[in-house]
Amino acid sequence: MKTNFLIILLLFFASPVFAETPDFALPDLNGKLHHLSDYRGKWVVVNYWATWCPPCLEEIPELEAFHTAHHARDAVVIGVNYEDSDPAELKSFVADYMMTYPILQADLSRQPVFGRLFGLPTSFIVSPDGKLVETKTGTVSQAFLEQIINQYKKNEMVKK
């Protein structure tokens, strides 16, 4: 009985807390700073990735499709390049892969505001009110992102 309680307690604390996400400020490929809070009011998919990572490259078309379908209305993708890249080479890479969502460069000397990464790619989904609602290590698809957002909206409707 005591073991079950401990397992439940651990699972509770291991799940997303739905607390307000800390803000970050990272430069894009032109040096302009982007703050997570700049996107308040929209769903934000913060995707940590690297050019050398095959699963990261595999999910770029899905992230691009999601961003294209939603950025004018209710959601954006922010790609955070998590490697030590030459900015000119990274710009060329982004152009070759036709990535239109903002690409920011991580500060590798600091831990990401979401906590330690356990692999790449890793995506964090932040609600319009700034709450972290999902963390996914591994590839994501447009359908997965839309499912998470719709599930969260449905749960919020039930709470009201």
Protein backbone atom coordinates (compact mmCIF):
# COMPACT_ATOMS: atom_id res chain seq x y z
CA MET A 1 0.00 0.00 0.00
CA LYS A 2 2.81 2.41 0.90
CA THR A 3 4.62 1.54 -2.36
CA ASN A 4 1.51 2.34 -4.46
CA PHE A 5 1.19 5.72 -2.75
CA LEU A 6 4.83 6.53 -3.49
CA ILE A 7 4.44 5.54 -7.14
CA ILE A 8 1.33 7.72 -7.49
CA LEU A 9 3.13 10.60 -5.79
CA LEU A 10 6.11 10.25 -8.13
CA LEU A 11 3.86 10.14 -11.20
CA PHE A 12 2.06 13.26 -10.03
CA PHE A 13 5.27 15.22 -9.66
CA ALA A 14 6.73 13.82 -12.91
CA SER A 15 3.80 15.01 -15.03
CA PRO A 16 3.52 18.51 -16.50
CA VAL A 17 2.53 20.96 -13.79
CA PHE A 18 0.60 23.39 -15.97
CA ALA A 19 2.35 26.26 -14.24
CA GLU A 20 3.34 29.42 -16.04
CA THR A 21 6.43 28.76 -18.10
CA PRO A 22 9.53 30.85 -17.41
CA ASP A 23 10.37 33.31 -20.17
CA PHE A 24 13.46 33.13 -22.37
CA ALA A 25 15.23 35.51 -24.72
CA LEU A 26 17.15 33.94 -27.61
CA PRO A 27 18.47 35.47 -30.83
CA ASP A 28 17.20 34.51 -34.26
CA LEU A 29 19.51 34.10 -37.24
CA ASN A 30 19.62 37.86 -37.76
CA GLY A 31 20.44 38.62 -34.13
CA LYS A 32 16.94 39.80 -33.15
CA LEU A 33 15.93 38.65 -29.66
CA HIS A 34 12.73 36.64 -29.33
CA HIS A 35 11.04 36.20 -25.96
CA LEU A 36 8.65 33.33 -25.36
CA SER A 37 6.30 35.93 -23.87
CA ASP A 38 6.18 37.69 -27.28
CA TYR A 39 3.88 34.89 -28.40
CA ARG A 40 1.43 35.03 -25.47
CA GLY A 41 -2.11 34.55 -26.73
CA LYS A 42 -1.09 31.78 -29.15
CA TRP A 43 -0.12 28.17 -28.75
CA VAL A 44 3.66 27.86 -28.99
CA VAL A 45 5.56 24.75 -30.00
CA VAL A 46 9.17 25.22 -28.90
CA ASN A 47 11.19 22.61 -30.78
CA TYR A 48 14.82 21.94 -29.81
CA TRP A 49 16.69 20.39 -32.73
CA ALA A 50 20.07 20.10 -34.50
CA THR A 51 21.18 19.85 -38.12
CA TRP A 52 23.06 16.57 -37.46
CA CYS A 53 19.99 14.85 -35.94
CA PRO A 54 18.12 12.55 -38.42
CA PRO A 55 14.82 12.51 -36.45
CA CYS A 56 14.97 16.32 -36.26
CA LEU A 57 15.27 16.53 -40.03
CA GLU A 58 12.43 14.02 -40.43
CA GLU A 59 9.99 16.19 -38.48
CA ILE A 60 10.79 19.54 -40.15
CA PRO A 61 8.07 19.11 -42.86
CA GLU A 62 5.49 18.31 -40.14
CA LEU A 63 6.48 21.34 -38.07
CA GLU A 64 6.41 23.50 -41.20
CA ALA A 65 2.93 22.21 -42.13
CA PHE A 66 1.63 22.89 -38.61
CA HIS A 67 3.17 26.38 -38.54
CA THR A 68 1.82 27.24 -42.00
CA ALA A 69 -1.68 26.09 -41.06
CA HIS A 70 -1.79 27.95 -37.75
CA HIS A 71 0.62 30.88 -37.47
CA ALA A 72 -1.83 33.51 -38.73
CA ARG A 73 -4.52 32.35 -36.29
CA ASP A 74 -3.71 30.48 -33.14
CA ALA A 75 -0.30 28.76 -32.96
CA VAL A 76 3.35 29.10 -33.92
CA VAL A 77 6.42 26.93 -34.04
CA ILE A 78 9.72 28.23 -32.72
CA GLY A 79 12.75 26.15 -33.64
CA VAL A 80 15.66 26.34 -31.21
CA ASN A 81 18.87 25.14 -32.80
CA TYR A 82 20.70 23.26 -30.05
CA GLU A 83 24.23 23.05 -31.37
CA ASP A 84 27.25 25.26 -31.93
CA SER A 85 26.51 26.35 -35.52
CA ASP A 86 28.01 28.95 -37.77
CA PRO A 87 25.15 31.44 -38.33
CA ALA A 88 25.78 31.67 -42.10
CA GLU A 89 25.73 27.87 -42.47
CA LEU A 90 22.61 27.64 -40.34
CA LYS A 91 20.86 30.29 -42.48
CA SER A 92 21.73 28.26 -45.58
CA PHE A 93 20.44 25.07 -43.95
CA VAL A 94 17.15 26.76 -42.98
CA ALA A 95 16.71 28.07 -46.54
CA ASP A 96 17.47 24.62 -48.04
CA TYR A 97 14.83 23.01 -45.79
CA MET A 98 12.34 25.84 -46.50
CA MET A 99 11.76 26.51 -42.80
CA THR A 100 9.57 29.60 -42.42
CA TYR A 101 9.06 29.46 -38.66
CA PRO A 102 11.46 31.44 -36.45
CA ILE A 103 14.77 29.71 -35.81
CA LEU A 104 16.54 30.75 -32.63
CA GLN A 105 20.01 29.83 -31.45
CA ALA A 106 20.28 28.20 -28.03
CA ASP A 107 22.72 29.45 -25.43
CA LEU A 108 24.58 26.19 -24.86
CA SER A 109 26.23 27.56 -21.71
CA ARG A 110 22.84 27.61 -19.97
CA GLN A 111 20.22 24.97 -19.35
CA PRO A 112 16.99 25.50 -21.34
CA VAL A 113 14.22 27.20 -19.33
CA PHE A 114 12.14 24.04 -19.63
CA GLY A 115 14.83 21.96 -17.92
CA ARG A 116 17.32 19.37 -19.06
CA LEU A 117 16.89 17.87 -22.52
CA PHE A 118 17.00 14.07 -22.66
CA GLY A 119 17.41 13.88 -26.43
CA LEU A 120 16.74 15.62 -29.69
CA PRO A 121 14.33 16.53 -31.00
CA THR A 122 12.38 17.69 -27.96
CA SER A 123 9.23 19.79 -28.25
CA PHE A 124 7.49 21.79 -25.54
CA ILE A 125 3.90 22.88 -26.09
CA VAL A 126 2.90 26.08 -24.30
CA SER A 127 -0.72 27.22 -24.04
CA PRO A 128 -1.85 30.74 -24.98
CA ASP A 129 -1.82 31.69 -21.30
CA GLY A 130 1.80 30.61 -20.93
CA LYS A 131 1.42 27.18 -19.32
CA LEU A 132 3.56 24.23 -20.33
CA VAL A 133 1.04 21.53 -21.26
CA GLU A 134 3.14 18.87 -22.99
CA THR A 135 6.75 17.77 -23.42
CA LYS A 136 7.69 15.28 -26.12
CA THR A 137 11.13 13.84 -26.76
CA GLY A 138 11.22 12.38 -30.25
CA THR A 139 9.51 13.39 -33.46
CA VAL A 140 6.15 15.12 -33.57
CA SER A 141 3.65 15.39 -36.38
CA GLN A 142 1.10 18.03 -37.31
CA ALA A 143 -1.67 15.62 -36.26
CA PHE A 144 -0.02 15.01 -32.85
CA LEU A 145 0.31 18.76 -32.16
CA GLU A 146 -3.30 19.40 -33.14
CA GLN A 147 -4.45 16.48 -30.99
CA ILE A 148 -2.63 17.84 -27.91
CA ILE A 149 -4.09 21.32 -28.42
CA ASN A 150 -7.62 20.00 -28.97
CA GLN A 151 -7.36 17.70 -25.95
CA TYR A 152 -6.22 20.58 -23.73
CA LYS A 153 -9.03 22.84 -24.99
CA LYS A 154 -11.56 20.08 -24.32
CA ASN A 155 -10.23 19.56 -20.77
CA GLU A 156 -10.42 23.31 -20.12
CA MET A 157 -14.06 23.36 -21.27
CA VAL A 158 -14.88 20.54 -18.85
CA LYS A 159 -13.27 22.48 -15.96
CA LYS A 160 -15.47 25.51 -16.62
